[in-house]
Amino acid sequence: MVAAPASAPPLALCLGGMDPSGGAGLLRDVLALSELGCQPMAVSLAETLQNGLACVRIEPPAMDPIQRIETLAPHLVGRWGVKLSLCALEAGTFRRLCATLRHLAPPIRIWDPILAPSAGVGLHDGEDLRRMAAELLPMGGWVVSPNRGEAAAFAGLPPEAIRTASAEELSLPWLKAGAAAVWLKGGHGAGDQVQDVWITEGRLQPLEATPRLPGERRGTGCLLSATWLGLRLQGLDDLAAAEASARRLRARWNRAFAPGGVGRPMFTPTFAPPPAPQETP
C-alpha cells in the first residue's frame, strides 16, 4: 500500500441527488470542491430525471448507498468532511445511513436540507425534514444550511412566513433538534437586499447584506454548501467559510450559461490554468 503524501488534498464525501445535467446535485458539488483543491467522492441518495427546465422524477438509488459509503471508509481519515443534501431514501435506509455516519464521525459536517429541486416535482415536506433531523442531528456537529422556505416548512409555519418570519423563528427549531449551527440563507427573503444569518445557541450573526442580483441560477444552494465544505477543509472557520462562499457565488453570477440555450442558467465551471510547459534541456 502506498501511503498518502503529507500534502495530499483533503477529502469531501458528497451524499445527495444525481442531476444528470450537472446544474445542481452531486456533479455540481464535485466541480465546486475540485476547484477548491479537495478530492471529492460521491454517493447517490436520489436518482433524478432532470434537466435545465425541470425535474420530472425522483427515485431512491438502485444500489445500497450505505454499502457504497462503507466501501469508501478506508479513505475517510485525516482531513475530511461530508455534505448531505437531496435524499430519497426510505426511513429504514436513512436510519442506517445515520448510524454509518455516526460511526465514521466526519470532522466537518453540513446538511443542505432540500424539500425539492427549484423547478418540477417535489420530494419532502416539513414533517419529512423533521423526521430526518431526529435521526441525524443528535449525533452532534452538524451545520444546517436551509433557505427560508425550507426553514419555514421545518418550523411548521405558513407559506407567507418565508418572507415575514424572523431569523430566530426560522432557526430555533433546528437548534432544538440538535444542530450545532444554522446558516439561514437569505435569497428567498423580501426586499432588494440579500442577507444570510449564522445562528448558534445564544448568538445570531448577520452576514454581509448585498444587493439582490438579477435573474436566477440553478444550484445556488448546492454551490454554497459545497463551497463552504471545501473552504472549511482548507482551513477557514465556520463563519469565514460562509462569508467567503457567498462572495464566490456572487463573483461568478454573471458567468452563468444555459447549455444548448435551453432552461435556467447554471454556473460555469472555473478551471485552474494548465501548468506551464517544461522546457526541454
C-alpha atoms as a PDB file:
ATOM      1  CA  MET A   1       0.000   0.000   0.000  1.00  0.00           C
ATOM      2  CA  VAL A   2       1.291   3.464  -0.911  1.00  0.00           C
ATOM      3  CA  ALA A   3       0.921   5.992   1.905  1.00  0.00           C
ATOM      4  CA  ALA A   4      -0.713   9.329   1.107  1.00  0.00           C
ATOM      5  CA  PRO A   5       1.809  12.170   0.911  1.00  0.00           C
ATOM      6  CA  ALA A   6       1.715  14.824   3.611  1.00  0.00           C
ATOM      7  CA  SER A   7       0.454  17.288   1.005  1.00  0.00           C
ATOM      8  CA  ALA A   8      -2.498  15.091  -0.048  1.00  0.00           C
ATOM      9  CA  PRO A   9      -5.670  17.142  -0.615  1.00  0.00           C
ATOM     10  CA  PRO A  10      -8.475  16.939   1.933  1.00  0.00           C
ATOM     11  CA  LEU A  11     -11.334  14.625   1.058  1.00  0.00           C
ATOM     12  CA  ALA A  12     -15.001  15.609   0.742  1.00  0.00           C
ATOM     13  CA  LEU A  13     -17.730  12.970   0.785  1.00  0.00           C
ATOM     14  CA  CYS A  14     -20.817  14.210  -1.072  1.00  0.00           C
ATOM     15  CA  LEU A  15     -24.126  12.469  -0.379  1.00  0.00           C
ATOM     16  CA  GLY A  16     -27.048  13.723  -2.438  1.00  0.00           C
ATOM     17  CA  GLY A  17     -29.013  13.655  -5.655  1.00  0.00           C
ATOM     18  CA  MET A  18     -27.737  12.913  -9.131  1.00  0.00           C
ATOM     19  CA  ASP A  19     -28.766  15.708 -11.500  1.00  0.00           C
ATOM     20  CA  PRO A  20     -27.597  14.402 -14.901  1.00  0.00           C
ATOM     21  CA  SER A  21     -27.331  17.945 -16.304  1.00  0.00           C
ATOM     22  CA  GLY A  22     -24.741  18.983 -13.702  1.00  0.00           C
ATOM     23  CA  GLY A  23     -26.532  22.193 -12.796  1.00  0.00           C
ATOM     24  CA  ALA A  24     -27.084  21.023  -9.236  1.00  0.00           C
ATOM     25  CA  GLY A  25     -26.603  17.942  -7.101  1.00  0.00           C
ATOM     26  CA  LEU A  26     -23.559  15.720  -6.889  1.00  0.00           C
ATOM     27  CA  LEU A  27     -21.947  16.841 -10.141  1.00  0.00           C
ATOM     28  CA  ARG A  28     -22.128  20.490  -9.045  1.00  0.00           C
ATOM     29  CA  ASP A  29     -20.658  19.508  -5.654  1.00  0.00           C
ATOM     30  CA  VAL A  30     -17.767  17.704  -7.319  1.00  0.00           C
ATOM     31  CA  LEU A  31     -16.987  20.687  -9.548  1.00  0.00           C
ATOM     32  CA  ALA A  32     -17.042  23.148  -6.638  1.00  0.00           C
ATOM     33  CA  LEU A  33     -14.875  21.008  -4.387  1.00  0.00           C
ATOM     34  CA  SER A  34     -12.359  20.227  -7.108  1.00  0.00           C
ATOM     35  CA  GLU A  35     -11.963  23.954  -7.774  1.00  0.00           C
ATOM     36  CA  LEU A  36     -11.019  24.383  -4.100  1.00  0.00           C
ATOM     37  CA  GLY A  37      -8.301  21.734  -4.166  1.00  0.00           C
ATOM     38  CA  CYS A  38     -10.289  18.976  -2.465  1.00  0.00           C
ATOM     39  CA  GLN A  39     -10.672  15.360  -3.530  1.00  0.00           C
ATOM     40  CA  PRO A  40     -14.408  14.708  -3.895  1.00  0.00           C
ATOM     41  CA  MET A  41     -16.074  11.327  -3.510  1.00  0.00           C
ATOM     42  CA  ALA A  42     -19.804  10.951  -4.127  1.00  0.00           C
ATOM     43  CA  VAL A  43     -22.613   8.533  -3.307  1.00  0.00           C
ATOM     44  CA  SER A  44     -26.093   9.000  -4.756  1.00  0.00           C
ATOM     45  CA  LEU A  45     -29.036   9.139  -2.341  1.00  0.00           C
ATOM     46  CA  ALA A  46     -31.533  10.082  -5.066  1.00  0.00           C
ATOM     47  CA  GLU A  47     -31.709   9.500  -8.815  1.00  0.00           C
ATOM     48  CA  THR A  48     -33.498  12.107 -10.909  1.00  0.00           C
ATOM     49  CA  LEU A  49     -34.854  12.707 -14.377  1.00  0.00           C
ATOM     50  CA  GLN A  50     -33.823  16.335 -14.619  1.00  0.00           C
ATOM     51  CA  ASN A  51     -32.512  18.984 -16.983  1.00  0.00           C
ATOM     52  CA  GLY A  52     -32.274  22.755 -17.053  1.00  0.00           C
ATOM     53  CA  LEU A  53     -36.036  23.096 -17.434  1.00  0.00           C
ATOM     54  CA  ALA A  54     -37.322  20.965 -14.558  1.00  0.00           C
ATOM     55  CA  CYS A  55     -37.032  17.797 -12.522  1.00  0.00           C
ATOM     56  CA  VAL A  56     -39.768  15.334 -13.522  1.00  0.00           C
ATOM     57  CA  ARG A  57     -38.953  12.276 -11.388  1.00  0.00           C
ATOM     58  CA  ILE A  58     -37.018  11.366  -8.225  1.00  0.00           C
ATOM     59  CA  GLU A  59     -36.348   7.802  -7.099  1.00  0.00           C
ATOM     60  CA  PRO A  60     -34.150   6.084  -4.491  1.00  0.00           C
ATOM     61  CA  PRO A  61     -30.839   4.766  -5.875  1.00  0.00           C
ATOM     62  CA  ALA A  62     -30.763   1.203  -7.181  1.00  0.00           C
ATOM     63  CA  MET A  63     -27.572   0.274  -5.298  1.00  0.00           C
ATOM     64  CA  ASP A  64     -27.433   0.372  -1.498  1.00  0.00           C
ATOM     65  CA  PRO A  65     -25.753   3.701  -0.622  1.00  0.00           C
ATOM     66  CA  ILE A  66     -24.668   2.532   2.824  1.00  0.00           C
ATOM     67  CA  GLN A  67     -22.634  -0.299   1.312  1.00  0.00           C
ATOM     68  CA  ARG A  68     -21.041   2.200  -1.053  1.00  0.00           C
ATOM     69  CA  ILE A  69     -20.119   4.510   1.840  1.00  0.00           C
ATOM     70  CA  GLU A  70     -18.733   1.598   3.840  1.00  0.00           C
ATOM     71  CA  THR A  71     -16.595   0.650   0.837  1.00  0.00           C
ATOM     72  CA  LEU A  72     -15.137   4.174   0.903  1.00  0.00           C
ATOM     73  CA  ALA A  73     -14.443   4.042   4.649  1.00  0.00           C
ATOM     74  CA  PRO A  74     -10.690   3.256   4.342  1.00  0.00           C
ATOM     75  CA  HIS A  75     -10.260   6.609   2.564  1.00  0.00           C
ATOM     76  CA  LEU A  76     -12.193   8.604   5.170  1.00  0.00           C
ATOM     77  CA  VAL A  77      -9.381   9.535   7.519  1.00  0.00           C
ATOM     78  CA  GLY A  78      -7.416  12.680   8.316  1.00  0.00           C
ATOM     79  CA  ARG A  79      -8.794  15.916   6.861  1.00  0.00           C
ATOM     80  CA  TRP A  80     -12.218  15.075   5.520  1.00  0.00           C
ATOM     81  CA  GLY A  81     -15.824  16.159   5.746  1.00  0.00           C
ATOM     82  CA  VAL A  82     -19.288  15.304   4.497  1.00  0.00           C
ATOM     83  CA  LYS A  83     -22.090  17.158   2.748  1.00  0.00           C
ATOM     84  CA  LEU A  84     -25.621  15.716   2.835  1.00  0.00           C
ATOM     85  CA  SER A  85     -28.312  17.047   0.514  1.00  0.00           C
ATOM     86  CA  LEU A  86     -31.170  15.629  -1.590  1.00  0.00           C
ATOM     87  CA  CYS A  87     -32.192  12.279  -0.115  1.00  0.00           C
ATOM     88  CA  ALA A  88     -34.882   9.882  -1.380  1.00  0.00           C
ATOM     89  CA  LEU A  89     -34.053   7.021   0.991  1.00  0.00           C
ATOM     90  CA  GLU A  90     -36.749   5.127   2.845  1.00  0.00           C
ATOM     91  CA  ALA A  91     -36.861   5.698   6.603  1.00  0.00           C
ATOM     92  CA  GLY A  92     -35.062   2.479   7.500  1.00  0.00           C
ATOM     93  CA  THR A  93     -32.279   3.082   4.994  1.00  0.00           C
ATOM     94  CA  PHE A  94     -31.853   6.652   6.217  1.00  0.00           C
ATOM     95  CA  ARG A  95     -31.554   5.326   9.770  1.00  0.00           C
ATOM     96  CA  ARG A  96     -28.762   3.014   8.596  1.00  0.00           C
ATOM     97  CA  LEU A  97     -27.100   5.964   6.866  1.00  0.00           C
ATOM     98  CA  CYS A  98     -27.119   7.961  10.105  1.00  0.00           C
ATOM     99  CA  ALA A  99     -25.674   5.017  12.041  1.00  0.00           C
ATOM    100  CA  THR A 100     -22.860   4.729   9.495  1.00  0.00           C
ATOM    101  CA  LEU A 101     -22.083   8.448   9.655  1.00  0.00           C
ATOM    102  CA  ARG A 102     -22.120   8.306  13.452  1.00  0.00           C
ATOM    103  CA  HIS A 103     -19.527   5.525  13.296  1.00  0.00           C
ATOM    104  CA  LEU A 104     -17.353   7.304  10.710  1.00  0.00           C
ATOM    105  CA  ALA A 105     -17.531  10.582  12.682  1.00  0.00           C
ATOM    106  CA  PRO A 106     -16.711  13.071   9.903  1.00  0.00           C
ATOM    107  CA  PRO A 107     -14.806  16.018  11.408  1.00  0.00           C
ATOM    108  CA  ILE A 108     -16.757  18.571   9.316  1.00  0.00           C
ATOM    109  CA  ARG A 109     -20.469  18.119   8.572  1.00  0.00           C
ATOM    110  CA  ILE A 110     -23.012  20.152   6.628  1.00  0.00           C
ATOM    111  CA  TRP A 111     -26.613  19.282   5.783  1.00  0.00           C
ATOM    112  CA  ASP A 112     -28.340  21.184   2.971  1.00  0.00           C
ATOM    113  CA  PRO A 113     -31.956  20.096   3.647  1.00  0.00           C
ATOM    114  CA  ILE A 114     -33.711  20.102   0.293  1.00  0.00           C
ATOM    115  CA  LEU A 115     -37.505  19.972   0.027  1.00  0.00           C
ATOM    116  CA  ALA A 116     -37.485  19.796  -3.763  1.00  0.00           C
ATOM    117  CA  PRO A 117     -35.479  20.876  -6.807  1.00  0.00           C
ATOM    118  CA  SER A 118     -36.119  24.512  -7.689  1.00  0.00           C
ATOM    119  CA  ALA A 119     -38.430  23.552 -10.584  1.00  0.00           C
ATOM    120  CA  GLY A 120     -40.544  20.455 -11.108  1.00  0.00           C
ATOM    121  CA  VAL A 121     -41.620  17.678  -8.765  1.00  0.00           C
ATOM    122  CA  GLY A 122     -41.276  17.894  -5.006  1.00  0.00           C
ATOM    123  CA  LEU A 123     -39.853  15.293  -2.662  1.00  0.00           C
ATOM    124  CA  HIS A 124     -40.247  16.251   1.007  1.00  0.00           C
ATOM    125  CA  ASP A 125     -42.405  18.351   3.299  1.00  0.00           C
ATOM    126  CA  GLY A 126     -41.643  19.815   6.706  1.00  0.00           C
ATOM    127  CA  GLU A 127     -42.603  16.621   8.528  1.00  0.00           C
ATOM    128  CA  ASP A 128     -40.128  14.629   6.402  1.00  0.00           C
ATOM    129  CA  LEU A 129     -37.343  17.043   7.308  1.00  0.00           C
ATOM    130  CA  ARG A 130     -38.241  16.814  10.987  1.00  0.00           C
ATOM    131  CA  ARG A 131     -38.055  13.008  10.860  1.00  0.00           C
ATOM    132  CA  MET A 132     -34.665  13.191   9.160  1.00  0.00           C
ATOM    133  CA  ALA A 133     -33.401  15.740  11.686  1.00  0.00           C
ATOM    134  CA  ALA A 134     -34.458  13.493  14.575  1.00  0.00           C
ATOM    135  CA  GLU A 135     -32.199  10.731  13.221  1.00  0.00           C
ATOM    136  CA  LEU A 136     -29.300  12.877  12.019  1.00  0.00           C
ATOM    137  CA  LEU A 137     -28.759  15.867  14.281  1.00  0.00           C
ATOM    138  CA  PRO A 138     -28.447  14.216  17.710  1.00  0.00           C
ATOM    139  CA  MET A 139     -25.036  12.837  16.708  1.00  0.00           C
ATOM    140  CA  GLY A 140     -23.784  16.425  17.012  1.00  0.00           C
ATOM    141  CA  GLY A 141     -21.585  18.727  14.993  1.00  0.00           C
ATOM    142  CA  TRP A 142     -23.917  19.402  12.060  1.00  0.00           C
ATOM    143  CA  VAL A 143     -24.190  22.770  10.355  1.00  0.00           C
ATOM    144  CA  VAL A 144     -27.606  23.014   8.667  1.00  0.00           C
ATOM    145  CA  SER A 145     -27.958  25.374   5.680  1.00  0.00           C
ATOM    146  CA  PRO A 146     -31.657  25.830   4.813  1.00  0.00           C
ATOM    147  CA  ASN A 147     -33.138  28.581   2.719  1.00  0.00           C
ATOM    148  CA  ARG A 148     -36.058  30.453   4.247  1.00  0.00           C
ATOM    149  CA  GLY A 149     -38.622  28.197   2.566  1.00  0.00           C
ATOM    150  CA  GLU A 150     -37.047  25.027   3.924  1.00  0.00           C
ATOM    151  CA  ALA A 151     -36.707  26.567   7.373  1.00  0.00           C
ATOM    152  CA  ALA A 152     -40.354  27.705   7.398  1.00  0.00           C
ATOM    153  CA  ALA A 153     -41.539  24.215   6.403  1.00  0.00           C
ATOM    154  CA  PHE A 154     -39.372  22.655   9.108  1.00  0.00           C
ATOM    155  CA  ALA A 155     -40.836  25.028  11.698  1.00  0.00           C
ATOM    156  CA  GLY A 156     -44.401  24.265  10.561  1.00  0.00           C
ATOM    157  CA  LEU A 157     -45.031  27.903   9.612  1.00  0.00           C
ATOM    158  CA  PRO A 158     -47.443  29.066   6.877  1.00  0.00           C
ATOM    159  CA  PRO A 159     -46.112  29.892   3.381  1.00  0.00           C
ATOM    160  CA  GLU A 160     -46.090  33.656   3.993  1.00  0.00           C
ATOM    161  CA  ALA A 161     -43.523  33.102   6.751  1.00  0.00           C
ATOM    162  CA  ILE A 162     -40.901  32.582   4.049  1.00  0.00           C
ATOM    163  CA  ARG A 163     -40.736  36.385   3.767  1.00  0.00           C
ATOM    164  CA  THR A 164     -42.068  37.563   7.115  1.00  0.00           C
ATOM    165  CA  ALA A 165     -40.647  35.275   9.829  1.00  0.00           C
ATOM    166  CA  SER A 166     -37.624  36.367  11.838  1.00  0.00           C
ATOM    167  CA  ALA A 167     -34.306  34.567  11.703  1.00  0.00           C
ATOM    168  CA  GLU A 168     -34.883  33.425  15.287  1.00  0.00           C
ATOM    169  CA  GLU A 169     -38.252  31.835  14.415  1.00  0.00           C
ATOM    170  CA  LEU A 170     -36.731  30.029  11.430  1.00  0.00           C
ATOM    171  CA  SER A 171     -33.574  28.803  13.165  1.00  0.00           C
ATOM    172  CA  LEU A 172     -34.688  27.851  16.675  1.00  0.00           C
ATOM    173  CA  PRO A 173     -36.399  24.564  15.666  1.00  0.00           C
ATOM    174  CA  TRP A 174     -33.164  23.366  14.033  1.00  0.00           C
ATOM    175  CA  LEU A 175     -31.136  24.191  17.134  1.00  0.00           C
ATOM    176  CA  LYS A 176     -33.672  22.427  19.351  1.00  0.00           C
ATOM    177  CA  ALA A 177     -33.378  19.368  17.091  1.00  0.00           C
ATOM    178  CA  GLY A 178     -29.624  19.263  17.695  1.00  0.00           C
ATOM    179  CA  ALA A 179     -27.972  21.409  15.008  1.00  0.00           C
ATOM    180  CA  ALA A 180     -24.653  22.935  16.065  1.00  0.00           C
ATOM    181  CA  ALA A 181     -25.277  25.940  13.799  1.00  0.00           C
ATOM    182  CA  VAL A 182     -27.856  27.157  11.305  1.00  0.00           C
ATOM    183  CA  TRP A 183     -26.716  29.008   8.194  1.00  0.00           C
ATOM    184  CA  LEU A 184     -30.006  30.628   7.155  1.00  0.00           C
ATOM    185  CA  LYS A 185     -29.695  31.661   3.517  1.00  0.00           C
ATOM    186  CA  GLY A 186     -31.445  34.887   2.631  1.00  0.00           C
ATOM    187  CA  GLY A 187     -32.175  34.586  -1.072  1.00  0.00           C
ATOM    188  CA  HIS A 188     -35.888  33.944  -0.520  1.00  0.00           C
ATOM    189  CA  GLY A 189     -36.344  36.940   1.760  1.00  0.00           C
ATOM    190  CA  ALA A 190     -38.205  40.126   0.880  1.00  0.00           C
ATOM    191  CA  GLY A 191     -36.646  43.305  -0.469  1.00  0.00           C
ATOM    192  CA  ASP A 192     -33.808  44.207  -2.782  1.00  0.00           C
ATOM    193  CA  GLN A 193     -31.094  43.138  -0.339  1.00  0.00           C
ATOM    194  CA  VAL A 194     -29.969  39.573   0.412  1.00  0.00           C
ATOM    195  CA  GLN A 195     -28.597  38.767   3.839  1.00  0.00           C
ATOM    196  CA  ASP A 196     -27.646  35.384   5.255  1.00  0.00           C
ATOM    197  CA  VAL A 197     -27.610  34.833   9.004  1.00  0.00           C
ATOM    198  CA  TRP A 198     -25.375  32.479  11.026  1.00  0.00           C
ATOM    199  CA  ILE A 199     -27.083  31.265  14.191  1.00  0.00           C
ATOM    200  CA  THR A 200     -25.725  29.227  17.089  1.00  0.00           C
ATOM    201  CA  GLU A 201     -27.040  28.742  20.613  1.00  0.00           C
ATOM    202  CA  GLY A 202     -27.176  32.225  22.105  1.00  0.00           C
ATOM    203  CA  ARG A 203     -25.692  34.035  19.097  1.00  0.00           C
ATOM    204  CA  LEU A 204     -27.144  35.431  15.894  1.00  0.00           C
ATOM    205  CA  GLN A 205     -24.600  36.836  13.421  1.00  0.00           C
ATOM    206  CA  PRO A 206     -25.924  38.606  10.296  1.00  0.00           C
ATOM    207  CA  LEU A 207     -23.573  38.225   7.336  1.00  0.00           C
ATOM    208  CA  GLU A 208     -22.875  40.936   4.790  1.00  0.00           C
ATOM    209  CA  ALA A 209     -26.018  42.376   3.181  1.00  0.00           C
ATOM    210  CA  THR A 210     -25.673  42.671  -0.592  1.00  0.00           C
ATOM    211  CA  PRO A 211     -27.899  43.878  -3.459  1.00  0.00           C
ATOM    212  CA  ARG A 212     -30.119  41.198  -4.958  1.00  0.00           C
ATOM    213  CA  LEU A 213     -28.661  40.087  -8.286  1.00  0.00           C
ATOM    214  CA  PRO A 214     -30.947  39.896 -11.330  1.00  0.00           C
ATOM    215  CA  GLY A 215     -32.276  36.635 -12.709  1.00  0.00           C
ATOM    216  CA  GLU A 216     -31.992  33.163 -11.229  1.00  0.00           C
ATOM    217  CA  ARG A 217     -29.352  30.461 -11.253  1.00  0.00           C
ATOM    218  CA  ARG A 218     -29.561  26.717 -10.861  1.00  0.00           C
ATOM    219  CA  GLY A 219     -27.773  25.051  -7.990  1.00  0.00           C
ATOM    220  CA  THR A 220     -27.130  28.059  -5.748  1.00  0.00           C
ATOM    221  CA  GLY A 221     -27.745  26.055  -2.577  1.00  0.00           C
ATOM    222  CA  CYS A 222     -25.543  23.196  -3.771  1.00  0.00           C
ATOM    223  CA  LEU A 223     -22.755  25.567  -4.736  1.00  0.00           C
ATOM    224  CA  LEU A 224     -22.879  27.472  -1.441  1.00  0.00           C
ATOM    225  CA  SER A 225     -22.821  24.435   0.843  1.00  0.00           C
ATOM    226  CA  ALA A 226     -20.201  22.557  -1.203  1.00  0.00           C
ATOM    227  CA  THR A 227     -18.008  25.661  -1.279  1.00  0.00           C
ATOM    228  CA  TRP A 228     -18.402  26.031   2.494  1.00  0.00           C
ATOM    229  CA  LEU A 229     -17.228  22.446   2.975  1.00  0.00           C
ATOM    230  CA  GLY A 230     -14.246  22.976   0.693  1.00  0.00           C
ATOM    231  CA  LEU A 231     -13.193  26.184   2.415  1.00  0.00           C
ATOM    232  CA  ARG A 232     -13.536  24.580   5.848  1.00  0.00           C
ATOM    233  CA  LEU A 233     -11.355  21.708   4.683  1.00  0.00           C
ATOM    234  CA  GLN A 234      -8.795  24.278   3.522  1.00  0.00           C
ATOM    235  CA  GLY A 235      -8.657  25.856   6.982  1.00  0.00           C
ATOM    236  CA  LEU A 236     -11.272  28.621   7.236  1.00  0.00           C
ATOM    237  CA  ASP A 237     -13.505  28.677  10.298  1.00  0.00           C
ATOM    238  CA  ASP A 238     -17.284  28.229  10.064  1.00  0.00           C
ATOM    239  CA  LEU A 239     -18.280  31.868   9.765  1.00  0.00           C
ATOM    240  CA  ALA A 240     -15.428  32.907   7.469  1.00  0.00           C
ATOM    241  CA  ALA A 241     -16.234  29.987   5.163  1.00  0.00           C
ATOM    242  CA  ALA A 242     -19.893  31.055   4.932  1.00  0.00           C
ATOM    243  CA  GLU A 243     -18.972  34.641   4.107  1.00  0.00           C
ATOM    244  CA  ALA A 244     -16.401  33.575   1.519  1.00  0.00           C
ATOM    245  CA  SER A 245     -18.846  31.110  -0.067  1.00  0.00           C
ATOM    246  CA  ALA A 246     -21.394  33.875  -0.629  1.00  0.00           C
ATOM    247  CA  ARG A 247     -18.739  36.151  -2.135  1.00  0.00           C
ATOM    248  CA  ARG A 248     -17.558  33.401  -4.507  1.00  0.00           C
ATOM    249  CA  LEU A 249     -21.118  32.768  -5.685  1.00  0.00           C
ATOM    250  CA  ARG A 250     -21.735  36.460  -6.360  1.00  0.00           C
ATOM    251  CA  ALA A 251     -18.431  36.817  -8.207  1.00  0.00           C
ATOM    252  CA  ARG A 252     -19.441  34.194 -10.748  1.00  0.00           C
ATOM    253  CA  TRP A 253     -23.133  35.111 -11.039  1.00  0.00           C
ATOM    254  CA  ASN A 254     -22.717  36.770 -14.434  1.00  0.00           C
ATOM    255  CA  ARG A 255     -20.649  33.894 -15.826  1.00  0.00           C
ATOM    256  CA  ALA A 256     -23.615  31.532 -15.992  1.00  0.00           C
ATOM    257  CA  PHE A 257     -24.904  29.799 -19.116  1.00  0.00           C
ATOM    258  CA  ALA A 258     -27.739  27.574 -20.314  1.00  0.00           C
ATOM    259  CA  PRO A 259     -26.367  24.529 -22.162  1.00  0.00           C
ATOM    260  CA  GLY A 260     -27.864  24.456 -25.644  1.00  0.00           C
ATOM    261  CA  GLY A 261     -29.546  27.776 -24.879  1.00  0.00           C
ATOM    262  CA  VAL A 262     -32.303  25.933 -23.010  1.00  0.00           C
ATOM    263  CA  GLY A 263     -33.520  26.253 -19.435  1.00  0.00           C
ATOM    264  CA  ARG A 264     -32.362  28.225 -16.420  1.00  0.00           C
ATOM    265  CA  PRO A 265     -28.690  29.253 -16.369  1.00  0.00           C
ATOM    266  CA  MET A 266     -26.196  27.200 -14.394  1.00  0.00           C
ATOM    267  CA  PHE A 267     -22.827  28.248 -13.053  1.00  0.00           C
ATOM    268  CA  THR A 268     -19.866  27.987 -15.402  1.00  0.00           C
ATOM    269  CA  PRO A 269     -17.073  25.786 -14.017  1.00  0.00           C
ATOM    270  CA  THR A 270     -13.920  27.616 -13.005  1.00  0.00           C
ATOM    271  CA  PHE A 271     -10.878  25.701 -14.154  1.00  0.00           C
ATOM    272  CA  ALA A 272      -7.353  26.212 -12.921  1.00  0.00           C
ATOM    273  CA  PRO A 273      -4.903  27.180 -15.676  1.00  0.00           C
ATOM    274  CA  PRO A 274      -2.830  24.278 -17.008  1.00  0.00           C
ATOM    275  CA  PRO A 275       0.762  24.034 -15.789  1.00  0.00           C
ATOM    276  CA  ALA A 276       3.350  25.846 -17.889  1.00  0.00           C
ATOM    277  CA  PRO A 277       5.146  23.546 -20.331  1.00  0.00           C
ATOM    278  CA  GLN A 278       8.566  22.407 -19.242  1.00  0.00           C
ATOM    279  CA  GLU A 279      11.498  23.452 -21.393  1.00  0.00           C
ATOM    280  CA  THR A 280      13.381  20.584 -22.961  1.00  0.00           C
ATOM    281  CA  PRO A 281      17.044  20.653 -21.915  1.00  0.00           C
END
